[in-house]
Amino acid sequence: MNSQKIKIDRISIQSQGIAPPVVQAAVRGLGQELLAGLAQQRDALKPGQNLQVDALNLGTIRVTNGRDAKQLRSEIYRAILRAIDPNLKLSDRR
């Protein structure tokens, strides 16, 4: 069986002016969204390839609406995918 595995031990994100409940809502379910997004990226991982990331520092994530958890999640999602592979083609549907 050819399976892929991605393991990220720690993600560091800085937020300013965003309430903790909004941040918590944004990261809830992020793992499933990342898996779904990576599944659409045919060249993200080759069959049988594993990716181990010890720490991922995304820096500051900027959003236009600090109360919109969906927008924040989308920006975090895109930043993580870019950090994993800057050559990924990210769709604008997120």
C-alpha atoms as a PDB file:
ATOM      1  CA  MET A   1       0.000   0.000   0.000  1.00  0.00           C
ATOM      2  CA  ASN A   2       1.349   3.428  -0.976  1.00  0.00           C
ATOM      3  CA  SER A   3       0.364   5.893   1.686  1.00  0.00           C
ATOM      4  CA  GLN A   4       1.590   9.357   2.468  1.00  0.00           C
ATOM      5  CA  LYS A   5       2.080  10.791   5.904  1.00  0.00           C
ATOM      6  CA  ILE A   6       2.557  14.366   7.032  1.00  0.00           C
ATOM      7  CA  LYS A   7       3.489  15.063  10.618  1.00  0.00           C
ATOM      8  CA  ILE A   8       3.816  18.600  11.953  1.00  0.00           C
ATOM      9  CA  ASP A   9       4.865  18.650  15.580  1.00  0.00           C
ATOM     10  CA  ARG A  10       4.299  22.340  16.296  1.00  0.00           C
ATOM     11  CA  ILE A  11       2.911  25.374  14.490  1.00  0.00           C
ATOM     12  CA  SER A  12       3.661  28.870  15.727  1.00  0.00           C
ATOM     13  CA  ILE A  13       1.399  31.754  14.715  1.00  0.00           C
ATOM     14  CA  GLN A  14       1.370  35.313  16.008  1.00  0.00           C
ATOM     15  CA  SER A  15      -1.914  37.151  16.201  1.00  0.00           C
ATOM     16  CA  GLN A  16      -2.593  40.710  17.236  1.00  0.00           C
ATOM     17  CA  GLY A  17      -6.028  42.148  17.770  1.00  0.00           C
ATOM     18  CA  ILE A  18      -7.801  38.835  17.249  1.00  0.00           C
ATOM     19  CA  ALA A  19      -9.818  37.489  20.156  1.00  0.00           C
ATOM     20  CA  PRO A  20      -8.756  34.039  21.453  1.00  0.00           C
ATOM     21  CA  PRO A  21     -12.166  32.457  20.672  1.00  0.00           C
ATOM     22  CA  VAL A  22     -11.792  33.525  17.014  1.00  0.00           C
ATOM     23  CA  VAL A  23      -8.310  31.984  16.841  1.00  0.00           C
ATOM     24  CA  GLN A  24      -9.584  28.790  18.485  1.00  0.00           C
ATOM     25  CA  ALA A  25     -12.481  28.583  16.026  1.00  0.00           C
ATOM     26  CA  ALA A  26     -10.078  29.154  13.130  1.00  0.00           C
ATOM     27  CA  VAL A  27      -7.724  26.316  14.048  1.00  0.00           C
ATOM     28  CA  ARG A  28     -10.516  23.879  14.917  1.00  0.00           C
ATOM     29  CA  GLY A  29     -10.791  21.487  11.995  1.00  0.00           C
ATOM     30  CA  LEU A  30      -7.686  22.869  10.304  1.00  0.00           C
ATOM     31  CA  GLY A  31      -6.078  19.416  10.136  1.00  0.00           C
ATOM     32  CA  GLN A  32      -8.910  17.959   8.088  1.00  0.00           C
ATOM     33  CA  GLU A  33      -8.898  20.973   5.793  1.00  0.00           C
ATOM     34  CA  LEU A  34      -5.151  20.621   5.257  1.00  0.00           C
ATOM     35  CA  LEU A  35      -5.511  16.943   4.385  1.00  0.00           C
ATOM     36  CA  ALA A  36      -8.277  17.718   1.908  1.00  0.00           C
ATOM     37  CA  GLY A  37      -6.240  20.534   0.355  1.00  0.00           C
ATOM     38  CA  LEU A  38      -3.102  18.449   0.050  1.00  0.00           C
ATOM     39  CA  ALA A  39      -5.084  15.610  -1.503  1.00  0.00           C
ATOM     40  CA  GLN A  40      -5.965  17.991  -4.334  1.00  0.00           C
ATOM     41  CA  GLN A  41      -2.285  18.831  -4.885  1.00  0.00           C
ATOM     42  CA  ARG A  42      -1.065  15.974  -7.049  1.00  0.00           C
ATOM     43  CA  ASP A  43       2.612  16.878  -6.650  1.00  0.00           C
ATOM     44  CA  ALA A  44       2.565  17.640  -2.914  1.00  0.00           C
ATOM     45  CA  LEU A  45       3.657  14.149  -1.872  1.00  0.00           C
ATOM     46  CA  LYS A  46       4.671  11.185  -3.971  1.00  0.00           C
ATOM     47  CA  PRO A  47       3.237   7.729  -3.162  1.00  0.00           C
ATOM     48  CA  GLY A  48       4.964   6.324  -0.087  1.00  0.00           C
ATOM     49  CA  GLN A  49       6.584   9.670   0.779  1.00  0.00           C
ATOM     50  CA  ASN A  50       6.488  10.976   4.347  1.00  0.00           C
ATOM     51  CA  LEU A  51       6.987  14.564   5.457  1.00  0.00           C
ATOM     52  CA  GLN A  52       8.189  15.377   8.971  1.00  0.00           C
ATOM     53  CA  VAL A  53       8.115  19.007  10.099  1.00  0.00           C
ATOM     54  CA  ASP A  54       9.414  19.608  13.612  1.00  0.00           C
ATOM     55  CA  ALA A  55       8.308  23.226  13.902  1.00  0.00           C
ATOM     56  CA  LEU A  56       6.533  25.525  11.510  1.00  0.00           C
ATOM     57  CA  ASN A  57       6.714  29.245  12.272  1.00  0.00           C
ATOM     58  CA  LEU A  58       4.178  31.077  10.142  1.00  0.00           C
ATOM     59  CA  GLY A  59       5.002  34.492  11.557  1.00  0.00           C
ATOM     60  CA  THR A  60       2.166  36.986  11.583  1.00  0.00           C
ATOM     61  CA  ILE A  61      -0.995  36.109   9.694  1.00  0.00           C
ATOM     62  CA  ARG A  62      -2.845  39.200   8.492  1.00  0.00           C
ATOM     63  CA  VAL A  63      -6.582  39.310   7.893  1.00  0.00           C
ATOM     64  CA  THR A  64      -8.903  42.160   6.984  1.00  0.00           C
ATOM     65  CA  ASN A  65     -11.554  41.135   9.511  1.00  0.00           C
ATOM     66  CA  GLY A  66     -10.225  40.062  12.918  1.00  0.00           C
ATOM     67  CA  ARG A  67     -13.621  38.570  13.815  1.00  0.00           C
ATOM     68  CA  ASP A  68     -13.870  36.216  10.836  1.00  0.00           C
ATOM     69  CA  ALA A  69     -12.617  32.761  11.882  1.00  0.00           C
ATOM     70  CA  LYS A  70     -13.201  31.368   8.377  1.00  0.00           C
ATOM     71  CA  GLN A  71     -10.974  34.020   6.781  1.00  0.00           C
ATOM     72  CA  LEU A  72      -8.293  33.445   9.427  1.00  0.00           C
ATOM     73  CA  ARG A  73      -8.443  29.664   8.893  1.00  0.00           C
ATOM     74  CA  SER A  74      -8.089  30.195   5.140  1.00  0.00           C
ATOM     75  CA  GLU A  75      -4.986  32.361   5.589  1.00  0.00           C
ATOM     76  CA  ILE A  76      -3.440  29.891   8.055  1.00  0.00           C
ATOM     77  CA  TYR A  77      -4.210  27.051   5.629  1.00  0.00           C
ATOM     78  CA  ARG A  78      -2.530  28.863   2.745  1.00  0.00           C
ATOM     79  CA  ALA A  79       0.502  29.802   4.853  1.00  0.00           C
ATOM     80  CA  ILE A  80       0.983  26.184   5.968  1.00  0.00           C
ATOM     81  CA  LEU A  81       0.726  24.855   2.413  1.00  0.00           C
ATOM     82  CA  ARG A  82       3.215  27.490   1.203  1.00  0.00           C
ATOM     83  CA  ALA A  83       5.572  26.566   4.045  1.00  0.00           C
ATOM     84  CA  ILE A  84       5.338  22.864   3.154  1.00  0.00           C
ATOM     85  CA  ASP A  85       5.960  23.518  -0.536  1.00  0.00           C
ATOM     86  CA  PRO A  86       6.253  27.061  -1.968  1.00  0.00           C
ATOM     87  CA  ASN A  87       5.668  25.657  -5.479  1.00  0.00           C
ATOM     88  CA  LEU A  88       2.146  24.393  -4.774  1.00  0.00           C
ATOM     89  CA  LYS A  89      -0.572  25.928  -6.910  1.00  0.00           C
ATOM     90  CA  LEU A  90      -3.117  27.220  -4.433  1.00  0.00           C
ATOM     91  CA  SER A  91      -6.622  27.795  -5.700  1.00  0.00           C
ATOM     92  CA  ASP A  92      -8.447  30.965  -4.770  1.00  0.00           C
ATOM     93  CA  ARG A  93     -11.568  29.027  -3.711  1.00  0.00           C
ATOM     94  CA  ARG A  94     -10.489  28.984  -0.042  1.00  0.00           C
END
